[in-house]
């Protein structure tokens, strides 16, 4: 009985395919997150599935919007606060962008949220935002501004 040896092409093709699959799996496993917080906070600790979902949503919008610097959060009068900063539409299309600011106390509890809608942000432009809100607690430890919605807006016609 004569044993047949596998050809060199088959012998080298199998490890090559295996290595290529490992690279694909490694690429699928990488992730990117984006979070903007006030300079007063040195770290952020996710405490729930809602935080993980918000981080994933922010990462998804990262290809459309880039924050410039850190937001400045100040108390205006009484219980009214304002988060101000700048962002840039880094996409090639005009978008409507919805922002949200979340204020948290020292224990990580959300004490206030507010949103702002930025209409018709042209491709490649940098715009300023000022999100006003109210809080019953005038002191906070952490303030995060995130993008919660980006809709394509071609020719000013909304969700196209």
N, C-alpha and C. Protein backbone atom coordinates (compact mmCIF):
# COMPACT_ATOMS: atom_id res chain seq x y z
N UNK A 1 0.84 -1.18 0.00
CA UNK A 1 0.00 0.00 0.00
C UNK A 1 0.89 1.25 0.00
N UNK A 2 0.56 2.17 -0.84
CA UNK A 2 1.35 3.38 -0.99
C UNK A 2 0.62 4.52 -0.27
N UNK A 3 1.34 5.16 0.65
CA UNK A 3 0.77 6.32 1.35
C UNK A 3 1.05 7.57 0.54
N UNK A 4 0.06 8.37 0.47
CA UNK A 4 0.18 9.61 -0.29
C UNK A 4 0.39 10.77 0.68
N UNK A 5 1.39 11.55 0.43
CA UNK A 5 1.67 12.72 1.27
C UNK A 5 0.88 13.92 0.74
N UNK A 6 0.36 14.76 1.64
CA UNK A 6 -0.34 15.95 1.18
C UNK A 6 0.64 16.88 0.44
N UNK A 7 0.12 17.54 -0.55
CA UNK A 7 0.97 18.46 -1.30
C UNK A 7 1.35 19.64 -0.42
N UNK A 8 2.40 20.32 -0.78
CA UNK A 8 2.87 21.46 -0.01
C UNK A 8 1.84 22.59 0.00
N UNK A 9 1.09 22.72 -1.08
CA UNK A 9 0.08 23.78 -1.14
C UNK A 9 -0.96 23.58 -0.05
N UNK A 10 -1.42 22.35 0.14
CA UNK A 10 -2.42 22.06 1.16
C UNK A 10 -1.80 22.22 2.54
N UNK A 11 -0.58 21.75 2.71
CA UNK A 11 0.09 21.81 3.99
C UNK A 11 0.27 23.26 4.47
N UNK A 12 0.60 24.20 3.57
CA UNK A 12 0.80 25.59 3.95
C UNK A 12 -0.48 26.40 3.91
N UNK A 13 -1.47 25.98 3.17
CA UNK A 13 -2.72 26.71 3.08
C UNK A 13 -3.50 26.66 4.40
N UNK A 14 -3.49 25.52 5.06
CA UNK A 14 -4.25 25.37 6.30
C UNK A 14 -3.76 26.33 7.39
N UNK A 15 -2.46 26.38 7.69
CA UNK A 15 -2.01 27.35 8.71
C UNK A 15 -2.25 28.79 8.30
N UNK A 16 -2.15 29.08 7.03
CA UNK A 16 -2.37 30.45 6.56
C UNK A 16 -3.82 30.86 6.79
N UNK A 17 -4.74 29.98 6.49
CA UNK A 17 -6.17 30.26 6.71
C UNK A 17 -6.44 30.40 8.21
N UNK A 18 -5.84 29.56 9.02
CA UNK A 18 -6.02 29.62 10.47
C UNK A 18 -5.52 30.96 11.02
N UNK A 19 -4.37 31.40 10.59
CA UNK A 19 -3.83 32.68 11.05
C UNK A 19 -4.71 33.83 10.61
N UNK A 20 -5.21 33.79 9.38
CA UNK A 20 -6.10 34.84 8.89
C UNK A 20 -7.37 34.91 9.72
N UNK A 21 -7.92 33.76 10.09
CA UNK A 21 -9.13 33.75 10.93
C UNK A 21 -8.84 34.32 12.32
N UNK A 22 -7.68 34.03 12.87
CA UNK A 22 -7.32 34.59 14.17
C UNK A 22 -7.23 36.11 14.11
N UNK A 23 -6.65 36.65 13.03
CA UNK A 23 -6.59 38.10 12.87
C UNK A 23 -7.98 38.70 12.76
N UNK A 24 -8.87 38.06 12.04
CA UNK A 24 -10.25 38.56 11.91
C UNK A 24 -10.95 38.56 13.26
N UNK A 25 -10.79 37.50 14.03
CA UNK A 25 -11.41 37.45 15.35
C UNK A 25 -10.84 38.51 16.28
N UNK A 26 -9.55 38.73 16.21
CA UNK A 26 -8.94 39.77 17.04
C UNK A 26 -9.46 41.15 16.66
N UNK A 27 -9.64 41.40 15.37
CA UNK A 27 -10.15 42.69 14.92
C UNK A 27 -11.59 42.90 15.36
N UNK A 28 -12.39 41.86 15.36
CA UNK A 28 -13.79 41.98 15.78
C UNK A 28 -13.91 42.23 17.27
N UNK A 29 -12.95 41.81 18.04
CA UNK A 29 -13.01 41.95 19.49
C UNK A 29 -12.60 43.31 20.00
N UNK A 30 -11.99 44.14 19.18
CA UNK A 30 -11.55 45.44 19.67
C UNK A 30 -12.73 46.39 19.75
N UNK A 31 -12.65 47.33 20.68
CA UNK A 31 -13.74 48.29 20.84
C UNK A 31 -13.16 49.66 21.13
N UNK A 32 -13.98 50.67 20.89
CA UNK A 32 -13.56 52.03 21.13
C UNK A 32 -14.68 52.73 21.88
N UNK A 33 -14.32 53.48 22.91
CA UNK A 33 -15.33 54.21 23.66
C UNK A 33 -14.98 55.68 23.65
N UNK A 34 -15.99 56.48 23.83
CA UNK A 34 -15.79 57.93 23.85
C UNK A 34 -16.64 58.49 24.97
N UNK A 35 -16.01 59.24 25.83
CA UNK A 35 -16.74 59.87 26.91
C UNK A 35 -16.11 61.22 27.19
N UNK A 36 -16.92 62.18 27.42
CA UNK A 36 -16.43 63.50 27.76
C UNK A 36 -16.91 63.82 29.15
N UNK A 37 -15.99 64.20 30.01
CA UNK A 37 -16.38 64.54 31.37
C UNK A 37 -15.69 65.83 31.78
N UNK A 38 -16.14 66.36 32.88
CA UNK A 38 -15.56 67.60 33.36
C UNK A 38 -14.19 67.34 33.93
N UNK A 39 -13.30 68.34 33.92
CA UNK A 39 -11.98 68.15 34.49
C UNK A 39 -12.01 67.86 35.98
N UNK A 40 -13.09 68.15 36.67
CA UNK A 40 -13.18 67.89 38.10
C UNK A 40 -13.18 66.41 38.40
N UNK A 41 -13.56 65.58 37.46
CA UNK A 41 -13.63 64.15 37.68
C UNK A 41 -12.38 63.48 37.12
N UNK A 42 -11.70 62.71 37.97
CA UNK A 42 -10.49 62.05 37.51
C UNK A 42 -10.77 60.69 36.94
N UNK A 43 -11.88 60.07 37.29
CA UNK A 43 -12.19 58.76 36.74
C UNK A 43 -13.69 58.56 36.68
N UNK A 44 -14.08 57.60 35.87
CA UNK A 44 -15.48 57.28 35.70
C UNK A 44 -15.64 55.79 35.88
N UNK A 45 -16.60 55.36 36.70
CA UNK A 45 -16.81 53.95 36.97
C UNK A 45 -18.20 53.56 36.52
N UNK A 46 -18.31 52.71 35.47
CA UNK A 46 -19.64 52.26 35.05
C UNK A 46 -20.31 51.49 36.19
N UNK A 47 -21.56 51.84 36.45
CA UNK A 47 -22.25 51.20 37.56
C UNK A 47 -23.48 50.41 37.13
N UNK A 48 -23.83 50.44 35.84
CA UNK A 48 -25.02 49.73 35.42
C UNK A 48 -24.97 49.43 33.94
N UNK A 49 -25.94 48.64 33.48
CA UNK A 49 -26.05 48.35 32.06
C UNK A 49 -26.39 49.61 31.27
N UNK A 50 -27.08 50.56 31.89
CA UNK A 50 -27.42 51.81 31.21
C UNK A 50 -26.15 52.58 30.87
N UNK A 51 -25.16 52.56 31.79
CA UNK A 51 -23.89 53.23 31.52
C UNK A 51 -23.17 52.56 30.38
N UNK A 52 -23.16 51.24 30.34
CA UNK A 52 -22.51 50.51 29.25
C UNK A 52 -23.20 50.80 27.92
N UNK A 53 -24.51 50.87 27.92
CA UNK A 53 -25.25 51.19 26.71
C UNK A 53 -24.95 52.60 26.24
N UNK A 54 -24.88 53.54 27.16
CA UNK A 54 -24.57 54.93 26.80
C UNK A 54 -23.16 55.02 26.22
N UNK A 55 -22.22 54.27 26.80
CA UNK A 55 -20.85 54.28 26.28
C UNK A 55 -20.81 53.71 24.88
N UNK A 56 -21.54 52.63 24.63
CA UNK A 56 -21.58 52.04 23.30
C UNK A 56 -22.21 52.99 22.30
N UNK A 57 -23.26 53.70 22.72
CA UNK A 57 -23.91 54.66 21.84
C UNK A 57 -22.95 55.80 21.51
N UNK A 58 -22.25 56.31 22.50
CA UNK A 58 -21.29 57.38 22.27
C UNK A 58 -20.19 56.92 21.32
N UNK A 59 -19.75 55.69 21.46
CA UNK A 59 -18.71 55.15 20.57
C UNK A 59 -19.23 55.07 19.14
N UNK A 60 -20.50 54.73 18.97
CA UNK A 60 -21.07 54.64 17.63
C UNK A 60 -21.13 56.02 16.96
N UNK A 61 -21.37 57.07 17.74
CA UNK A 61 -21.45 58.42 17.18
C UNK A 61 -20.08 59.06 17.00
N UNK A 62 -19.03 58.41 17.50
CA UNK A 62 -17.68 58.96 17.43
C UNK A 62 -17.21 59.19 16.00
N UNK A 63 -17.76 58.45 15.06
CA UNK A 63 -17.35 58.64 13.67
C UNK A 63 -17.99 59.87 13.04
N UNK A 64 -18.95 60.49 13.72
CA UNK A 64 -19.63 61.68 13.20
C UNK A 64 -19.23 62.97 13.92
N UNK A 65 -18.96 62.86 15.22
CA UNK A 65 -18.80 64.04 16.06
C UNK A 65 -17.54 63.90 16.92
N UNK A 66 -16.83 65.00 17.06
CA UNK A 66 -15.65 65.04 17.93
C UNK A 66 -15.79 66.24 18.86
N UNK A 67 -15.62 66.00 20.16
CA UNK A 67 -15.68 67.10 21.13
C UNK A 67 -14.34 67.82 21.13
N UNK A 68 -14.40 69.14 21.26
CA UNK A 68 -13.21 69.97 21.34
C UNK A 68 -13.03 70.36 22.81
N UNK A 69 -11.99 69.85 23.45
CA UNK A 69 -11.74 70.16 24.86
C UNK A 69 -12.78 69.55 25.78
N UNK A 70 -12.84 70.10 26.99
CA UNK A 70 -13.79 69.65 28.01
C UNK A 70 -14.90 70.68 28.15
N UNK A 71 -16.11 70.23 28.51
CA UNK A 71 -17.19 71.20 28.75
C UNK A 71 -16.95 71.96 30.05
N UNK A 72 -17.49 73.15 30.10
CA UNK A 72 -17.45 73.95 31.32
C UNK A 72 -18.86 73.97 31.88
N UNK A 73 -19.00 73.55 33.13
CA UNK A 73 -20.32 73.51 33.75
C UNK A 73 -20.33 74.52 34.90
N UNK A 74 -21.30 75.42 34.87
CA UNK A 74 -21.40 76.44 35.90
C UNK A 74 -22.85 76.59 36.35
N UNK A 75 -23.01 77.05 37.57
CA UNK A 75 -24.33 77.40 38.08
C UNK A 75 -24.62 78.84 37.64
N UNK A 76 -25.78 79.06 37.02
CA UNK A 76 -26.13 80.39 36.52
C UNK A 76 -26.82 81.21 37.60
N UNK A 77 -27.95 80.71 38.09
CA UNK A 77 -28.70 81.40 39.13
C UNK A 77 -29.62 80.40 39.78
N UNK A 78 -29.66 80.40 41.09
CA UNK A 78 -30.55 79.48 41.81
C UNK A 78 -30.19 78.04 41.52
N UNK A 79 -31.10 77.33 40.87
CA UNK A 79 -30.89 75.91 40.57
C UNK A 79 -30.58 75.67 39.09
N UNK A 80 -30.33 76.73 38.33
CA UNK A 80 -30.08 76.60 36.89
C UNK A 80 -28.58 76.46 36.63
N UNK A 81 -28.23 75.45 35.83
CA UNK A 81 -26.82 75.26 35.45
C UNK A 81 -26.70 75.31 33.93
N UNK A 82 -25.47 75.46 33.48
CA UNK A 82 -25.19 75.46 32.04
C UNK A 82 -23.90 74.70 31.77
N UNK A 83 -23.96 73.78 30.80
CA UNK A 83 -22.78 73.08 30.30
C UNK A 83 -22.47 73.64 28.93
N UNK A 84 -21.27 74.19 28.76
CA UNK A 84 -20.92 74.82 27.49
C UNK A 84 -19.62 74.23 26.95
N UNK A 85 -19.53 74.16 25.64
CA UNK A 85 -18.33 73.64 25.00
C UNK A 85 -18.45 73.73 23.49
N UNK A 86 -17.59 72.98 22.81
CA UNK A 86 -17.61 72.96 21.36
C UNK A 86 -17.50 71.53 20.86
N UNK A 87 -18.07 71.30 19.68
CA UNK A 87 -17.92 70.02 19.01
C UNK A 87 -17.78 70.26 17.52
N UNK A 88 -17.25 69.24 16.85
CA UNK A 88 -17.05 69.35 15.41
C UNK A 88 -17.73 68.19 14.71
N UNK A 89 -18.46 68.49 13.64
CA UNK A 89 -19.05 67.47 12.78
C UNK A 89 -17.92 66.99 11.87
N UNK A 90 -17.39 65.79 12.13
CA UNK A 90 -16.26 65.29 11.35
C UNK A 90 -16.70 64.41 10.19
N UNK A 91 -17.99 64.34 9.95
CA UNK A 91 -18.51 63.56 8.84
C UNK A 91 -18.54 64.42 7.57
N UNK A 92 -18.84 63.80 6.45
CA UNK A 92 -18.92 64.52 5.18
C UNK A 92 -20.34 64.98 4.87
N UNK A 93 -21.28 64.74 5.79
CA UNK A 93 -22.67 65.16 5.62
C UNK A 93 -23.08 66.10 6.74
N UNK A 94 -24.07 66.92 6.47
CA UNK A 94 -24.69 67.78 7.47
C UNK A 94 -25.54 66.91 8.39
N UNK A 95 -25.54 67.21 9.70
CA UNK A 95 -26.31 66.41 10.65
C UNK A 95 -27.06 67.28 11.65
N UNK A 96 -28.13 66.71 12.19
CA UNK A 96 -28.77 67.23 13.39
C UNK A 96 -28.19 66.40 14.53
N UNK A 97 -27.73 67.07 15.59
CA UNK A 97 -27.04 66.39 16.68
C UNK A 97 -27.76 66.71 17.98
N UNK A 98 -28.06 65.68 18.77
CA UNK A 98 -28.68 65.88 20.08
C UNK A 98 -27.66 65.53 21.15
N UNK A 99 -27.43 66.48 22.07
CA UNK A 99 -26.48 66.31 23.16
C UNK A 99 -27.23 66.13 24.48
N UNK A 100 -26.57 65.47 25.43
CA UNK A 100 -27.13 65.33 26.77
C UNK A 100 -26.02 65.57 27.79
N UNK A 101 -26.32 66.35 28.82
CA UNK A 101 -25.40 66.52 29.94
C UNK A 101 -26.00 65.78 31.13
N UNK A 102 -25.14 65.06 31.87
CA UNK A 102 -25.55 64.33 33.06
C UNK A 102 -24.65 64.79 34.20
N UNK A 103 -25.25 65.26 35.28
CA UNK A 103 -24.51 65.63 36.49
C UNK A 103 -24.67 64.52 37.51
N UNK A 104 -23.54 64.11 38.14
CA UNK A 104 -23.57 63.04 39.15
C UNK A 104 -22.94 63.54 40.44
N UNK A 105 -23.46 63.04 41.56
CA UNK A 105 -22.89 63.40 42.85
C UNK A 105 -21.70 62.49 43.18
N UNK A 106 -21.16 62.61 44.38
CA UNK A 106 -19.97 61.86 44.77
C UNK A 106 -20.19 60.36 44.79
N UNK A 107 -21.43 59.92 44.99
CA UNK A 107 -21.71 58.48 45.02
C UNK A 107 -22.01 57.92 43.62
N UNK A 108 -22.00 58.78 42.61
CA UNK A 108 -22.29 58.34 41.24
C UNK A 108 -23.75 58.41 40.87
N UNK A 109 -24.57 58.91 41.77
CA UNK A 109 -26.01 59.05 41.52
C UNK A 109 -26.27 60.24 40.60
N UNK A 110 -27.11 60.03 39.59
CA UNK A 110 -27.48 61.11 38.66
C UNK A 110 -28.37 62.10 39.40
N UNK A 111 -27.95 63.37 39.39
CA UNK A 111 -28.74 64.40 40.07
C UNK A 111 -29.41 65.35 39.10
N UNK A 112 -28.98 65.35 37.84
CA UNK A 112 -29.63 66.22 36.84
C UNK A 112 -29.23 65.78 35.44
N UNK A 113 -30.15 65.95 34.50
CA UNK A 113 -29.87 65.73 33.08
C UNK A 113 -30.54 66.84 32.29
N UNK A 114 -29.97 67.15 31.16
CA UNK A 114 -30.56 68.13 30.24
C UNK A 114 -30.08 67.80 28.84
N UNK A 115 -30.87 68.18 27.84
CA UNK A 115 -30.49 67.91 26.45
C UNK A 115 -30.54 69.19 25.62
N UNK A 116 -29.85 69.14 24.49
CA UNK A 116 -29.91 70.25 23.54
C UNK A 116 -29.85 69.67 22.13
N UNK A 117 -30.64 70.24 21.24
CA UNK A 117 -30.70 69.85 19.84
C UNK A 117 -29.91 70.87 19.02
N UNK A 118 -28.92 70.40 18.27
CA UNK A 118 -28.16 71.27 17.38
C UNK A 118 -28.63 70.98 15.96
N UNK A 119 -29.27 71.95 15.34
CA UNK A 119 -29.88 71.77 14.03
C UNK A 119 -28.92 72.14 12.91
N UNK A 120 -28.89 71.31 11.87
CA UNK A 120 -28.15 71.58 10.63
C UNK A 120 -26.68 71.92 10.85
N UNK A 121 -25.95 71.03 11.51
CA UNK A 121 -24.51 71.23 11.70
C UNK A 121 -23.82 70.77 10.41
N UNK A 122 -23.28 71.69 9.68
CA UNK A 122 -22.68 71.39 8.38
C UNK A 122 -21.43 70.53 8.53
N UNK A 123 -21.14 69.75 7.51
CA UNK A 123 -19.97 68.87 7.49
C UNK A 123 -18.70 69.67 7.71
N UNK A 124 -17.86 69.18 8.62
CA UNK A 124 -16.57 69.80 8.86
C UNK A 124 -16.57 71.05 9.71
N UNK A 125 -17.73 71.47 10.21
CA UNK A 125 -17.78 72.71 10.99
C UNK A 125 -17.70 72.44 12.48
N UNK A 126 -17.17 73.42 13.20
CA UNK A 126 -17.12 73.39 14.66
C UNK A 126 -18.19 74.35 15.16
N UNK A 127 -19.00 73.87 16.11
CA UNK A 127 -20.07 74.70 16.67
C UNK A 127 -19.96 74.70 18.19
N UNK A 128 -20.47 75.76 18.78
CA UNK A 128 -20.54 75.86 20.24
C UNK A 128 -21.90 75.39 20.71
N UNK A 129 -21.95 74.86 21.92
CA UNK A 129 -23.22 74.46 22.52
C UNK A 129 -23.29 75.01 23.94
N UNK A 130 -24.50 75.21 24.40
CA UNK A 130 -24.76 75.64 25.77
C UNK A 130 -26.04 74.94 26.21
N UNK A 131 -25.88 73.93 27.05
CA UNK A 131 -27.02 73.12 27.50
C UNK A 131 -27.44 73.63 28.87
N UNK A 132 -28.66 74.14 28.98
CA UNK A 132 -29.18 74.65 30.25
C UNK A 132 -30.07 73.61 30.89
N UNK A 133 -29.99 73.53 32.21
CA UNK A 133 -30.85 72.61 32.96
C UNK A 133 -31.00 73.09 34.38
N UNK A 134 -31.76 72.32 35.16
CA UNK A 134 -31.95 72.65 36.58
C UNK A 134 -31.61 71.45 37.43
N UNK A 135 -31.18 71.73 38.63
CA UNK A 135 -30.85 70.69 39.60
C UNK A 135 -31.23 71.15 40.99
N UNK A 136 -31.72 70.23 41.80
CA UNK A 136 -32.05 70.55 43.18
C UNK A 136 -30.80 70.59 44.04
N UNK A 137 -29.73 69.97 43.56
CA UNK A 137 -28.47 69.91 44.31
C UNK A 137 -27.43 70.76 43.58
N UNK A 138 -27.00 71.88 44.15
CA UNK A 138 -26.11 72.79 43.43
C UNK A 138 -24.64 72.33 43.34
N UNK A 139 -24.29 71.22 43.96
CA UNK A 139 -22.91 70.72 43.86
C UNK A 139 -22.93 69.34 43.24
N UNK A 140 -21.90 69.05 42.45
CA UNK A 140 -21.79 67.75 41.80
C UNK A 140 -20.31 67.41 41.68
N UNK A 141 -20.03 66.16 41.43
CA UNK A 141 -18.65 65.72 41.28
C UNK A 141 -18.27 65.52 39.82
N UNK A 142 -19.22 65.03 39.02
CA UNK A 142 -18.92 64.63 37.66
C UNK A 142 -19.99 65.17 36.72
N UNK A 143 -19.54 65.72 35.59
CA UNK A 143 -20.45 66.18 34.55
C UNK A 143 -20.00 65.57 33.23
N UNK A 144 -20.90 64.89 32.55
CA UNK A 144 -20.58 64.25 31.28
C UNK A 144 -21.50 64.78 30.19
N UNK A 145 -20.90 65.18 29.07
CA UNK A 145 -21.68 65.59 27.91
C UNK A 145 -21.46 64.53 26.85
N UNK A 146 -22.56 63.97 26.35
CA UNK A 146 -22.47 62.92 25.33
C UNK A 146 -23.45 63.22 24.19
N UNK A 147 -23.15 62.62 23.05
CA UNK A 147 -24.05 62.69 21.91
C UNK A 147 -25.03 61.53 22.06
N UNK A 148 -26.32 61.82 22.06
CA UNK A 148 -27.30 60.73 22.21
C UNK A 148 -28.03 60.43 20.91
N UNK A 149 -27.91 61.35 19.91
CA UNK A 149 -28.55 61.08 18.62
C UNK A 149 -27.88 61.91 17.54
N UNK A 150 -27.65 61.27 16.40
CA UNK A 150 -27.17 61.95 15.21
C UNK A 150 -28.07 61.50 14.07
N UNK A 151 -28.68 62.46 13.40
CA UNK A 151 -29.51 62.11 12.24
C UNK A 151 -28.96 62.82 11.02
N UNK A 152 -29.02 62.11 9.90
CA UNK A 152 -28.52 62.68 8.65
C UNK A 152 -29.49 63.75 8.20
N UNK A 153 -28.94 64.86 7.78
CA UNK A 153 -29.76 65.99 7.41
C UNK A 153 -29.22 66.58 6.11
N UNK A 154 -29.67 66.04 5.01
CA UNK A 154 -29.22 66.49 3.70
C UNK A 154 -30.18 67.55 3.20
N UNK A 155 -29.66 68.71 2.95
CA UNK A 155 -30.49 69.79 2.43
C UNK A 155 -31.51 70.30 3.42
N UNK A 156 -31.27 70.09 4.73
CA UNK A 156 -32.18 70.59 5.75
C UNK A 156 -33.48 69.85 5.83
N UNK A 157 -33.56 68.61 5.30
CA UNK A 157 -34.83 67.90 5.26
C UNK A 157 -35.01 66.89 6.38
N UNK A 158 -34.16 66.91 7.43
CA UNK A 158 -34.37 66.05 8.58
C UNK A 158 -33.81 64.66 8.39
N UNK A 159 -34.50 63.64 8.95
CA UNK A 159 -34.04 62.25 8.91
C UNK A 159 -34.17 61.70 7.50
N UNK A 160 -33.11 61.79 6.74
CA UNK A 160 -33.13 61.29 5.37
C UNK A 160 -32.50 59.92 5.31
